[in-house]
PDB file of N, CA and C in Angstrom:
ATOM      1  N   GLU A   1      -4.126   0.175 -11.264  1.00  0.00           N
ATOM      2  CA  GLU A   1      -4.865   1.121 -10.372  1.00  0.00           C
ATOM      3  C   GLU A   1      -6.356   0.988  -9.744  1.00  0.00           C
ATOM      4  N   PHE A   2      -7.208   0.424 -10.432  1.00  0.00           N
ATOM      5  CA  PHE A   2      -8.271   0.040 -10.041  1.00  0.00           C
ATOM      6  C   PHE A   2      -8.331  -0.957  -9.218  1.00  0.00           C
ATOM      7  N   GLU A   3      -7.370  -1.740  -9.063  1.00  0.00           N
ATOM      8  CA  GLU A   3      -7.626  -2.934  -8.283  1.00  0.00           C
ATOM      9  C   GLU A   3      -6.871  -2.387  -6.806  1.00  0.00           C
ATOM     10  N   ILE A   4      -5.902  -1.603  -6.981  1.00  0.00           N
ATOM     11  CA  ILE A   4      -5.457  -1.006  -5.689  1.00  0.00           C
ATOM     12  C   ILE A   4      -6.512  -0.377  -4.567  1.00  0.00           C
ATOM     13  N   ILE A   5      -7.265   0.491  -5.594  1.00  0.00           N
ATOM     14  CA  ILE A   5      -8.159   1.088  -4.653  1.00  0.00           C
ATOM     15  C   ILE A   5      -9.361   0.132  -4.368  1.00  0.00           C
ATOM     16  N   LYS A   6      -9.499  -0.779  -4.955  1.00  0.00           N
ATOM     17  CA  LYS A   6     -10.654  -1.626  -4.511  1.00  0.00           C
ATOM     18  C   LYS A   6     -10.294  -2.478  -3.474  1.00  0.00           C
ATOM     19  N   PHE A   7      -8.783  -2.986  -3.521  1.00  0.00           N
ATOM     20  CA  PHE A   7      -8.086  -3.812  -2.388  1.00  0.00           C
ATOM     21  C   PHE A   7      -8.374  -2.725  -1.065  1.00  0.00           C
ATOM     22  N   LEU A   8      -8.074  -1.622  -1.004  1.00  0.00           N
ATOM     23  CA  LEU A   8      -7.856  -0.499   0.009  1.00  0.00           C
ATOM     24  C   LEU A   8      -9.382  -0.279   0.605  1.00  0.00           C
ATOM     25  N   ASP A   9     -10.491  -0.253  -0.263  1.00  0.00           N
ATOM     26  CA  ASP A   9     -11.841  -0.042   0.091  1.00  0.00           C
ATOM     27  C   ASP A   9     -12.542  -1.242   0.531  1.00  0.00           C
ATOM     28  N   ASN A  10     -12.362  -2.127   0.180  1.00  0.00           N
ATOM     29  CA  ASN A  10     -12.450  -3.300   0.988  1.00  0.00           C
ATOM     30  C   ASN A  10     -12.111  -3.593   2.084  1.00  0.00           C
ATOM     31  N   ALA A  11     -10.684  -3.291   2.597  1.00  0.00           N
ATOM     32  CA  ALA A  11     -10.198  -3.399   3.655  1.00  0.00           C
ATOM     33  C   ALA A  11     -10.546  -2.685   4.621  1.00  0.00           C
ATOM     34  N   ILE A  12     -11.115  -1.252   4.034  1.00  0.00           N
ATOM     35  CA  ILE A  12     -11.662   0.031   5.105  1.00  0.00           C
ATOM     36  C   ILE A  12     -12.969  -0.507   5.364  1.00  0.00           C
ATOM     37  N   MET A  13     -13.706  -0.973   4.787  1.00  0.00           N
ATOM     38  CA  MET A  13     -15.102  -1.588   5.048  1.00  0.00           C
ATOM     39  C   MET A  13     -15.087  -2.560   5.752  1.00  0.00           C
ATOM     40  N   GLY A  14     -13.987  -3.162   6.154  1.00  0.00           N
ATOM     41  CA  GLY A  14     -13.910  -4.802   6.644  1.00  0.00           C
ATOM     42  C   GLY A  14     -13.406  -4.445   8.014  1.00  0.00           C
ATOM     43  N   ASN A  15     -12.982  -3.025   8.365  1.00  0.00           N
ATOM     44  CA  ASN A  15     -12.370  -2.344   9.578  1.00  0.00           C
ATOM     45  C   ASN A  15     -10.921  -3.212   9.676  1.00  0.00           C
ATOM     46  N   VAL A  16     -10.102  -3.193   8.885  1.00  0.00           N
ATOM     47  CA  VAL A  16      -8.740  -3.449   9.048  1.00  0.00           C
ATOM     48  C   VAL A  16      -8.067  -2.295   9.118  1.00  0.00           C
ATOM     49  N   ASP A  17      -7.180  -2.537   9.799  1.00  0.00           N
ATOM     50  CA  ASP A  17      -6.383  -1.177  10.475  1.00  0.00           C
ATOM     51  C   ASP A  17      -5.053  -1.100   9.519  1.00  0.00           C
ATOM     52  N   ARG A  18      -4.688  -2.246   8.910  1.00  0.00           N
ATOM     53  CA  ARG A  18      -3.085  -2.345   8.383  1.00  0.00           C
ATOM     54  C   ARG A  18      -3.111  -3.216   7.016  1.00  0.00           C
ATOM     55  N   VAL A  19      -2.657  -2.889   5.898  1.00  0.00           N
ATOM     56  CA  VAL A  19      -2.595  -3.922   5.052  1.00  0.00           C
ATOM     57  C   VAL A  19      -0.955  -3.797   4.641  1.00  0.00           C
ATOM     58  N   GLU A  20      -0.556  -4.715   3.647  1.00  0.00           N
ATOM     59  CA  GLU A  20       0.830  -4.776   3.244  1.00  0.00           C
ATOM     60  C   GLU A  20       0.377  -4.908   1.577  1.00  0.00           C
ATOM     61  N   ILE A  21       1.060  -4.193   0.666  1.00  0.00           N
ATOM     62  CA  ILE A  21       0.917  -4.323  -0.575  1.00  0.00           C
ATOM     63  C   ILE A  21       2.182  -4.797  -1.313  1.00  0.00           C
ATOM     64  N   LEU A  22       2.523  -5.698  -2.050  1.00  0.00           N
ATOM     65  CA  LEU A  22       3.687  -6.430  -2.417  1.00  0.00           C
ATOM     66  C   LEU A  22       3.670  -5.796  -4.160  1.00  0.00           C
ATOM     67  N   HIS A  23       4.424  -4.723  -4.321  1.00  0.00           N
ATOM     68  CA  HIS A  23       4.771  -4.407  -5.515  1.00  0.00           C
ATOM     69  C   HIS A  23       5.904  -4.971  -6.369  1.00  0.00           C
ATOM     70  N   GLY A  24       6.959  -5.669  -5.180  1.00  0.00           N
ATOM     71  CA  GLY A  24       8.446  -5.763  -5.728  1.00  0.00           C
ATOM     72  C   GLY A  24       9.233  -4.626  -5.843  1.00  0.00           C
ATOM     73  N   LYS A  25      10.555  -5.196  -6.306  1.00  0.00           N
ATOM     74  CA  LYS A  25      11.452  -3.971  -6.513  1.00  0.00           C
ATOM     75  C   LYS A  25      11.672  -3.764  -7.797  1.00  0.00           C
ATOM     76  N   GLY A  26      11.968  -4.310  -8.623  1.00  0.00           N
ATOM     77  CA  GLY A  26      12.005  -4.367  -9.994  1.00  0.00           C
ATOM     78  C   GLY A  26      12.510  -2.887 -10.591  1.00  0.00           C
ATOM     79  N   THR A  27      11.711  -2.210 -11.630  1.00  0.00           N
ATOM     80  CA  THR A  27      12.004  -1.014 -12.046  1.00  0.00           C
ATOM     81  C   THR A  27      11.833   0.219 -11.308  1.00  0.00           C
ATOM     82  N   GLY A  28      10.685  -0.269 -10.369  1.00  0.00           N
ATOM     83  CA  GLY A  28      10.207   1.051  -9.737  1.00  0.00           C
ATOM     84  C   GLY A  28       8.820   1.600  -9.868  1.00  0.00           C
ATOM     85  N   VAL A  29       8.306   1.076 -11.166  1.00  0.00           N
ATOM     86  CA  VAL A  29       7.343   1.769 -11.871  1.00  0.00           C
ATOM     87  C   VAL A  29       6.072   1.274 -11.273  1.00  0.00           C
ATOM     88  N   LEU A  30       5.844  -0.089 -10.618  1.00  0.00           N
ATOM     89  CA  LEU A  30       4.600  -0.509  -9.764  1.00  0.00           C
ATOM     90  C   LEU A  30       4.755   0.348  -8.452  1.00  0.00           C
ATOM     91  N   LYS A  31       6.008   0.551  -7.789  1.00  0.00           N
ATOM     92  CA  LYS A  31       5.904   1.194  -6.459  1.00  0.00           C
ATOM     93  C   LYS A  31       5.572   2.746  -6.928  1.00  0.00           C
ATOM     94  N   GLN A  32       6.010   3.356  -7.639  1.00  0.00           N
ATOM     95  CA  GLN A  32       5.857   4.404  -7.933  1.00  0.00           C
ATOM     96  C   GLN A  32       4.210   4.852  -8.201  1.00  0.00           C
ATOM     97  N   MET A  33       3.647   4.026  -8.891  1.00  0.00           N
ATOM     98  CA  MET A  33       2.019   4.064  -8.816  1.00  0.00           C
ATOM     99  C   MET A  33       1.387   3.872  -8.009  1.00  0.00           C
ATOM    100  N   THR A  34       2.040   3.079  -6.996  1.00  0.00           N
ATOM    101  CA  THR A  34       1.252   2.270  -5.876  1.00  0.00           C
ATOM    102  C   THR A  34       1.336   3.662  -4.668  1.00  0.00           C
ATOM    103  N   HIS A  35       2.531   4.255  -4.769  1.00  0.00           N
ATOM    104  CA  HIS A  35       2.498   5.392  -3.601  1.00  0.00           C
ATOM    105  C   HIS A  35       1.513   6.468  -4.054  1.00  0.00           C
ATOM    106  N   ALA A  36       1.447   6.742  -5.562  1.00  0.00           N
ATOM    107  CA  ALA A  36       0.716   7.903  -5.855  1.00  0.00           C
ATOM    108  C   ALA A  36      -0.552   7.680  -5.558  1.00  0.00           C
ATOM    109  N   ILE A  37      -1.243   6.486  -5.584  1.00  0.00           N
ATOM    110  CA  ILE A  37      -2.387   6.169  -5.331  1.00  0.00           C
ATOM    111  C   ILE A  37      -2.584   6.309  -3.692  1.00  0.00           C
ATOM    112  N   LEU A  38      -1.642   6.074  -3.029  1.00  0.00           N
ATOM    113  CA  LEU A  38      -1.769   6.019  -1.519  1.00  0.00           C
ATOM    114  C   LEU A  38      -1.898   7.250  -0.995  1.00  0.00           C
ATOM    115  N   ARG A  39      -1.050   8.317  -1.444  1.00  0.00           N
ATOM    116  CA  ARG A  39      -0.996   9.755  -1.164  1.00  0.00           C
ATOM    117  C   ARG A  39      -2.224  10.289  -1.404  1.00  0.00           C
ATOM    118  N   THR A  40      -2.913   9.957  -2.627  1.00  0.00           N
ATOM    119  CA  THR A  40      -4.375  10.634  -2.689  1.00  0.00           C
ATOM    120  C   THR A  40      -5.661   9.980  -2.061  1.00  0.00           C
ATOM    121  N   HIS A  41      -5.501   8.701  -1.613  1.00  0.00           N
ATOM    122  CA  HIS A  41      -6.562   7.955  -0.838  1.00  0.00           C
ATOM    123  C   HIS A  41      -7.107   8.400   0.371  1.00  0.00           C
ATOM    124  N   SER A  42      -8.218   8.787   0.483  1.00  0.00           N
ATOM    125  CA  SER A  42      -8.902   9.586   1.697  1.00  0.00           C
ATOM    126  C   SER A  42      -8.718   8.214   2.703  1.00  0.00           C
ATOM    127  N   GLY A  43      -8.726   7.242   2.639  1.00  0.00           N
ATOM    128  CA  GLY A  43      -8.763   6.295   3.601  1.00  0.00           C
ATOM    129  C   GLY A  43      -7.296   6.069   4.150  1.00  0.00           C
ATOM    130  N   VAL A  44      -6.342   6.352   3.647  1.00  0.00           N
ATOM    131  CA  VAL A  44      -4.640   6.117   4.088  1.00  0.00           C
ATOM    132  C   VAL A  44      -4.565   7.109   5.179  1.00  0.00           C
ATOM    133  N   LYS A  45      -4.055   6.585   6.170  1.00  0.00           N
ATOM    134  CA  LYS A  45      -3.299   7.160   7.323  1.00  0.00           C
ATOM    135  C   LYS A  45      -1.845   7.486   6.838  1.00  0.00           C
ATOM    136  N   ASN A  46      -1.213   6.342   6.675  1.00  0.00           N
ATOM    137  CA  ASN A  46       0.387   6.378   6.550  1.00  0.00           C
ATOM    138  C   ASN A  46       0.496   5.394   5.724  1.00  0.00           C
ATOM    139  N   PHE A  47       1.872   5.430   5.250  1.00  0.00           N
ATOM    140  CA  PHE A  47       2.550   4.171   4.410  1.00  0.00           C
ATOM    141  C   PHE A  47       3.841   4.380   4.587  1.00  0.00           C
ATOM    142  N   TYR A  48       4.711   3.140   4.414  1.00  0.00           N
ATOM    143  CA  TYR A  48       5.978   3.107   4.372  1.00  0.00           C
ATOM    144  C   TYR A  48       6.486   1.931   4.219  1.00  0.00           C
ATOM    145  N   PHE A  49       7.602   1.519   3.741  1.00  0.00           N
ATOM    146  CA  PHE A  49       8.201   0.369   3.511  1.00  0.00           C
ATOM    147  C   PHE A  49       8.343  -0.787   4.481  1.00  0.00           C
ATOM    148  N   ALA A  50       8.302  -1.912   4.197  1.00  0.00           N
ATOM    149  CA  ALA A  50       8.651  -2.951   5.237  1.00  0.00           C
ATOM    150  C   ALA A  50       9.997  -3.259   5.821  1.00  0.00           C
ATOM    151  N   PRO A  51      10.334  -3.469   6.917  1.00  0.00           N
ATOM    152  CA  PRO A  51      11.529  -3.636   7.458  1.00  0.00           C
ATOM    153  C   PRO A  51      12.432  -4.407   6.430  1.00  0.00           C
ATOM    154  N   ILE A  52      13.662  -4.248   6.279  1.00  0.00           N
ATOM    155  CA  ILE A  52      14.374  -5.125   5.394  1.00  0.00           C
ATOM    156  C   ILE A  52      14.134  -6.550   5.439  1.00  0.00           C
ATOM    157  N   GLU A  53      14.104  -6.869   6.663  1.00  0.00           N
ATOM    158  CA  GLU A  53      13.975  -8.458   6.748  1.00  0.00           C
ATOM    159  C   GLU A  53      12.547  -9.025   6.319  1.00  0.00           C
ATOM    160  N   SER A  54      11.593  -8.246   5.963  1.00  0.00           N
ATOM    161  CA  SER A  54      10.342  -8.710   5.963  1.00  0.00           C
ATOM    162  C   SER A  54      10.042  -8.185   4.360  1.00  0.00           C
ATOM    163  N   GLY A  55      11.081  -7.575   3.663  1.00  0.00           N
ATOM    164  CA  GLY A  55      10.811  -7.547   2.059  1.00  0.00           C
ATOM    165  C   GLY A  55      11.178  -5.932   1.644  1.00  0.00           C
ATOM    166  N   GLY A  56      11.789  -5.080   2.961  1.00  0.00           N
ATOM    167  CA  GLY A  56      12.204  -3.977   2.373  1.00  0.00           C
ATOM    168  C   GLY A  56      11.271  -2.976   1.593  1.00  0.00           C
ATOM    169  N   ASP A  57      12.086  -2.476   0.300  1.00  0.00           N
ATOM    170  CA  ASP A  57      10.995  -1.506  -0.466  1.00  0.00           C
ATOM    171  C   ASP A  57      10.398  -2.457  -1.535  1.00  0.00           C
ATOM    172  N   GLY A  58      10.314  -3.595  -1.505  1.00  0.00           N
ATOM    173  CA  GLY A  58       9.443  -4.592  -2.357  1.00  0.00           C
ATOM    174  C   GLY A  58       8.206  -4.473  -1.867  1.00  0.00           C
ATOM    175  N   ILE A  59       7.690  -3.935  -0.810  1.00  0.00           N
ATOM    176  CA  ILE A  59       6.476  -3.936   0.318  1.00  0.00           C
ATOM    177  C   ILE A  59       5.958  -2.831   0.869  1.00  0.00           C
ATOM    178  N   THR A  60       5.166  -2.362   0.567  1.00  0.00           N
ATOM    179  CA  THR A  60       4.564  -1.143   1.106  1.00  0.00           C
ATOM    180  C   THR A  60       3.361  -1.483   2.231  1.00  0.00           C
ATOM    181  N   ILE A  61       3.897  -0.980   3.600  1.00  0.00           N
ATOM    182  CA  ILE A  61       2.789  -1.394   4.628  1.00  0.00           C
ATOM    183  C   ILE A  61       1.907  -0.122   4.742  1.00  0.00           C
ATOM    184  N   VAL A  62       0.653  -0.451   4.643  1.00  0.00           N
ATOM    185  CA  VAL A  62      -0.321   0.567   4.695  1.00  0.00           C
ATOM    186  C   VAL A  62      -1.247   0.756   5.970  1.00  0.00           C
ATOM    187  N   GLU A  63      -1.228   1.950   6.572  1.00  0.00           N
ATOM    188  CA  GLU A  63      -2.210   2.173   7.846  1.00  0.00           C
ATOM    189  C   GLU A  63      -3.300   2.865   7.130  1.00  0.00           C
ATOM    190  N   LEU A  64      -4.483   2.283   7.933  1.00  0.00           N
ATOM    191  CA  LEU A  64      -6.091   2.771   6.998  1.00  0.00           C
ATOM    192  C   LEU A  64      -6.504   3.690   8.434  1.00  0.00           C
ATOM    193  N   LYS A  65      -7.291   4.363   8.355  1.00  0.00           N
ATOM    194  CA  LYS A  65      -8.153   5.226   9.303  1.00  0.00           C
ATOM    195  C   LYS A  65      -9.129   4.494   9.760  1.00  0.00           C
TER     196      LYS A  65
END
């Protein structure tokens, strides 16, 4: 959890507009945890799964404020 927050904060401080988080498909635990963090992080504008040809629901694309 801390690593995701640190990653997002560093991206925001570096003026990055968009990042991708590779959480994999697996059992869905990492995906659920990642999305829970993204829903509450003040620097996140929007997030969604990558297109199917780019990893689909194994990758979350995050748009930053």
